[in-house]
Amino acid sequence: MAVETFYRSTRDKDSEVMDRKSADAHDQMLELAEKIAESLGRNFPDMNEKHCEDLGIFMAKNRGAFTAAFKGNLAALSEINAAAPAE
């Protein structure tokens, strides 16, 4: 019988990965998304909770592109736009 080790994020019980580093990275992304959503909810009270969560996850997943854009590399946002589904 083979034994297989997998890791699960503490914040996302449905997510299973084969290495601890990926699980930790996923946990950190979800923590960042939670903090972004919390900040959006406090600063934009008319925005509903679902939109805050969705936007927080989107920004956390695309953290690198947003970081580059905030540092002046606006072209980094084109990567996000290119990956977006067509309207």
N, C-alpha and C. Protein backbone atom coordinates (compact mmCIF):
# COMPACT_ATOMS: atom_id res chain seq x y z
N MET A 1 0.85 -1.16 0.00
CA MET A 1 0.00 0.00 0.00
C MET A 1 0.90 1.24 0.00
N ALA A 2 0.57 2.19 -0.85
CA ALA A 2 1.32 3.44 -0.95
C ALA A 2 0.75 4.47 0.02
N VAL A 3 1.62 5.28 0.53
CA VAL A 3 1.22 6.35 1.42
C VAL A 3 1.48 7.66 0.70
N GLU A 4 0.49 8.51 0.72
CA GLU A 4 0.60 9.80 0.04
C GLU A 4 0.38 10.90 1.07
N THR A 5 1.29 11.87 1.09
CA THR A 5 1.18 12.99 2.00
C THR A 5 0.64 14.19 1.24
N PHE A 6 -0.31 14.87 1.83
CA PHE A 6 -0.81 16.10 1.24
C PHE A 6 -1.03 17.10 2.36
N TYR A 7 -1.08 18.35 1.97
CA TYR A 7 -1.26 19.44 2.93
C TYR A 7 -2.53 20.19 2.60
N ARG A 8 -3.13 20.71 3.62
CA ARG A 8 -4.38 21.45 3.47
C ARG A 8 -4.22 22.81 4.13
N SER A 9 -4.72 23.82 3.47
CA SER A 9 -4.67 25.16 4.01
C SER A 9 -5.59 25.24 5.24
N THR A 10 -5.15 25.96 6.26
CA THR A 10 -5.99 26.10 7.45
C THR A 10 -7.18 27.02 7.20
N ARG A 11 -7.08 27.88 6.20
CA ARG A 11 -8.16 28.81 5.89
C ARG A 11 -9.10 28.29 4.80
N ASP A 12 -8.66 27.27 4.06
CA ASP A 12 -9.45 26.74 2.95
C ASP A 12 -9.37 25.22 3.02
N LYS A 13 -10.29 24.61 3.71
CA LYS A 13 -10.26 23.16 3.94
C LYS A 13 -10.45 22.35 2.66
N ASP A 14 -10.96 22.96 1.60
CA ASP A 14 -11.17 22.25 0.34
C ASP A 14 -9.90 22.19 -0.51
N SER A 15 -8.92 22.97 -0.16
CA SER A 15 -7.69 23.06 -0.94
C SER A 15 -6.67 22.04 -0.42
N GLU A 16 -6.23 21.14 -1.29
CA GLU A 16 -5.22 20.16 -0.93
C GLU A 16 -4.06 20.28 -1.90
N VAL A 17 -2.84 20.33 -1.38
CA VAL A 17 -1.64 20.41 -2.21
C VAL A 17 -0.64 19.37 -1.73
N MET A 18 0.36 19.12 -2.56
CA MET A 18 1.31 18.06 -2.26
C MET A 18 2.52 18.53 -1.45
N ASP A 19 2.70 19.84 -1.30
CA ASP A 19 3.85 20.28 -0.52
C ASP A 19 3.44 21.41 0.43
N ARG A 20 4.18 21.48 1.51
CA ARG A 20 3.86 22.44 2.57
C ARG A 20 4.05 23.87 2.11
N LYS A 21 5.05 24.12 1.28
CA LYS A 21 5.32 25.47 0.81
C LYS A 21 4.12 26.03 0.05
N SER A 22 3.49 25.24 -0.78
CA SER A 22 2.31 25.68 -1.52
C SER A 22 1.13 25.94 -0.59
N ALA A 23 0.97 25.09 0.41
CA ALA A 23 -0.11 25.28 1.38
C ALA A 23 0.10 26.58 2.16
N ASP A 24 1.34 26.83 2.57
CA ASP A 24 1.65 28.07 3.29
C ASP A 24 1.42 29.30 2.40
N ALA A 25 1.83 29.22 1.14
CA ALA A 25 1.62 30.34 0.21
C ALA A 25 0.13 30.60 0.01
N HIS A 26 -0.66 29.54 -0.09
CA HIS A 26 -2.11 29.69 -0.25
C HIS A 26 -2.72 30.33 1.00
N ASP A 27 -2.27 29.89 2.16
CA ASP A 27 -2.74 30.48 3.42
C ASP A 27 -2.41 31.97 3.49
N GLN A 28 -1.19 32.33 3.11
CA GLN A 28 -0.78 33.74 3.14
C GLN A 28 -1.61 34.56 2.16
N MET A 29 -1.89 34.02 0.98
CA MET A 29 -2.71 34.72 0.00
C MET A 29 -4.11 34.95 0.56
N LEU A 30 -4.68 33.94 1.21
CA LEU A 30 -6.02 34.09 1.78
C LEU A 30 -6.03 35.08 2.94
N GLU A 31 -4.96 35.11 3.72
CA GLU A 31 -4.87 36.08 4.81
C GLU A 31 -4.82 37.50 4.27
N LEU A 32 -4.01 37.70 3.23
CA LEU A 32 -3.94 39.02 2.58
C LEU A 32 -5.31 39.40 2.01
N ALA A 33 -5.97 38.46 1.35
CA ALA A 33 -7.29 38.72 0.77
C ALA A 33 -8.28 39.13 1.86
N GLU A 34 -8.22 38.47 3.00
CA GLU A 34 -9.11 38.79 4.11
C GLU A 34 -8.87 40.22 4.62
N LYS A 35 -7.61 40.60 4.74
CA LYS A 35 -7.28 41.95 5.22
C LYS A 35 -7.69 43.01 4.19
N ILE A 36 -7.50 42.72 2.92
CA ILE A 36 -7.94 43.66 1.87
C ILE A 36 -9.45 43.82 1.92
N ALA A 37 -10.16 42.70 2.02
CA ALA A 37 -11.63 42.75 2.07
C ALA A 37 -12.12 43.53 3.29
N GLU A 38 -11.45 43.32 4.42
CA GLU A 38 -11.81 44.05 5.64
C GLU A 38 -11.61 45.55 5.46
N SER A 39 -10.49 45.92 4.86
CA SER A 39 -10.19 47.33 4.62
C SER A 39 -11.20 47.94 3.65
N LEU A 40 -11.53 47.22 2.60
CA LEU A 40 -12.52 47.72 1.64
C LEU A 40 -13.88 47.91 2.31
N GLY A 41 -14.28 46.95 3.12
CA GLY A 41 -15.56 47.04 3.81
C GLY A 41 -15.65 48.23 4.74
N ARG A 42 -14.54 48.55 5.41
CA ARG A 42 -14.53 49.69 6.33
C ARG A 42 -14.52 51.02 5.59
N ASN A 43 -13.83 51.07 4.46
CA ASN A 43 -13.69 52.33 3.73
C ASN A 43 -14.76 52.57 2.69
N PHE A 44 -15.45 51.51 2.30
CA PHE A 44 -16.55 51.62 1.33
C PHE A 44 -17.75 50.87 1.89
N PRO A 45 -18.44 51.47 2.85
CA PRO A 45 -19.53 50.78 3.54
C PRO A 45 -20.69 50.37 2.62
N ASP A 46 -20.82 51.02 1.46
CA ASP A 46 -21.90 50.65 0.54
C ASP A 46 -21.57 49.38 -0.26
N MET A 47 -20.31 48.95 -0.25
CA MET A 47 -19.90 47.76 -0.98
C MET A 47 -20.32 46.53 -0.16
N ASN A 48 -21.00 45.58 -0.80
CA ASN A 48 -21.46 44.43 -0.04
C ASN A 48 -20.30 43.48 0.26
N GLU A 49 -20.51 42.60 1.22
CA GLU A 49 -19.46 41.72 1.72
C GLU A 49 -18.90 40.80 0.64
N LYS A 50 -19.75 40.29 -0.21
CA LYS A 50 -19.32 39.38 -1.29
C LYS A 50 -18.36 40.09 -2.25
N HIS A 51 -18.70 41.33 -2.63
CA HIS A 51 -17.82 42.09 -3.52
C HIS A 51 -16.48 42.38 -2.85
N CYS A 52 -16.51 42.70 -1.57
CA CYS A 52 -15.26 42.95 -0.84
C CYS A 52 -14.39 41.69 -0.84
N GLU A 53 -15.00 40.54 -0.58
CA GLU A 53 -14.25 39.29 -0.56
C GLU A 53 -13.69 38.95 -1.94
N ASP A 54 -14.52 39.08 -2.97
CA ASP A 54 -14.09 38.78 -4.34
C ASP A 54 -12.94 39.69 -4.76
N LEU A 55 -13.06 40.96 -4.46
CA LEU A 55 -12.01 41.92 -4.82
C LEU A 55 -10.74 41.66 -4.02
N GLY A 56 -10.89 41.31 -2.75
CA GLY A 56 -9.72 40.98 -1.92
C GLY A 56 -8.97 39.78 -2.47
N ILE A 57 -9.68 38.74 -2.85
CA ILE A 57 -9.05 37.55 -3.42
C ILE A 57 -8.39 37.87 -4.75
N PHE A 58 -9.09 38.63 -5.59
CA PHE A 58 -8.52 39.02 -6.88
C PHE A 58 -7.21 39.78 -6.72
N MET A 59 -7.22 40.75 -5.81
CA MET A 59 -6.01 41.56 -5.60
C MET A 59 -4.89 40.73 -4.98
N ALA A 60 -5.22 39.84 -4.06
CA ALA A 60 -4.20 39.00 -3.43
C ALA A 60 -3.60 38.02 -4.43
N LYS A 61 -4.43 37.44 -5.30
CA LYS A 61 -3.92 36.51 -6.31
C LYS A 61 -3.03 37.23 -7.33
N ASN A 62 -3.30 38.49 -7.57
CA ASN A 62 -2.54 39.28 -8.54
C ASN A 62 -1.62 40.28 -7.85
N ARG A 63 -1.17 39.91 -6.70
CA ARG A 63 -0.34 40.77 -5.86
C ARG A 63 0.89 41.31 -6.59
N GLY A 64 1.55 40.46 -7.34
CA GLY A 64 2.77 40.88 -8.04
C GLY A 64 2.50 41.98 -9.05
N ALA A 65 1.43 41.84 -9.81
CA ALA A 65 1.09 42.85 -10.82
C ALA A 65 0.70 44.16 -10.15
N PHE A 66 -0.06 44.09 -9.07
CA PHE A 66 -0.46 45.32 -8.38
C PHE A 66 0.75 45.99 -7.72
N THR A 67 1.65 45.20 -7.15
CA THR A 67 2.86 45.76 -6.55
C THR A 67 3.67 46.51 -7.59
N ALA A 68 3.86 45.88 -8.76
CA ALA A 68 4.61 46.52 -9.84
C ALA A 68 3.91 47.79 -10.29
N ALA A 69 2.59 47.77 -10.41
CA ALA A 69 1.84 48.95 -10.85
C ALA A 69 1.95 50.08 -9.83
N PHE A 70 1.90 49.75 -8.54
CA PHE A 70 2.03 50.78 -7.51
C PHE A 70 3.42 51.39 -7.49
N LYS A 71 4.39 50.65 -8.00
CA LYS A 71 5.76 51.16 -8.09
C LYS A 71 6.02 51.89 -9.40
N GLY A 72 4.98 52.04 -10.22
CA GLY A 72 5.12 52.82 -11.44
C GLY A 72 5.09 52.03 -12.73
N ASN A 73 5.09 50.72 -12.66
CA ASN A 73 5.05 49.90 -13.86
C ASN A 73 3.60 49.57 -14.21
N LEU A 74 2.92 50.51 -14.84
CA LEU A 74 1.50 50.34 -15.14
C LEU A 74 1.24 49.23 -16.15
N ALA A 75 2.24 48.91 -16.94
CA ALA A 75 2.09 47.84 -17.92
C ALA A 75 1.84 46.49 -17.26
N ALA A 76 2.22 46.35 -16.00
CA ALA A 76 1.99 45.09 -15.28
C ALA A 76 0.51 44.76 -15.19
N LEU A 77 -0.33 45.78 -15.18
CA LEU A 77 -1.77 45.54 -15.11
C LEU A 77 -2.31 44.95 -16.40
N SER A 78 -1.60 45.14 -17.50
CA SER A 78 -2.06 44.57 -18.76
C SER A 78 -2.02 43.05 -18.72
N GLU A 79 -1.14 42.48 -17.89
CA GLU A 79 -1.11 41.03 -17.72
C GLU A 79 -2.43 40.53 -17.15
N ILE A 80 -2.95 41.25 -16.17
CA ILE A 80 -4.23 40.88 -15.56
C ILE A 80 -5.34 41.02 -16.59
N ASN A 81 -5.33 42.14 -17.32
CA ASN A 81 -6.38 42.37 -18.32
C ASN A 81 -6.34 41.34 -19.42
N ALA A 82 -5.15 40.89 -19.82
CA ALA A 82 -5.03 39.91 -20.89
C ALA A 82 -5.59 38.55 -20.44
N ALA A 83 -5.49 38.25 -19.16
CA ALA A 83 -5.98 36.98 -18.64
C ALA A 83 -7.48 37.00 -18.36
N ALA A 84 -8.08 38.18 -18.35
CA ALA A 84 -9.51 38.30 -18.05
C ALA A 84 -10.34 37.77 -19.21
N PRO A 85 -11.46 37.14 -18.90
CA PRO A 85 -12.33 36.66 -19.98
C PRO A 85 -12.91 37.82 -20.79
N ALA A 86 -13.11 37.59 -22.05
CA ALA A 86 -13.68 38.63 -22.93
C ALA A 86 -15.13 38.88 -22.56
N GLU A 87 -15.54 40.12 -22.71
CA GLU A 87 -16.93 40.49 -22.36
C GLU A 87 -17.89 40.07 -23.43
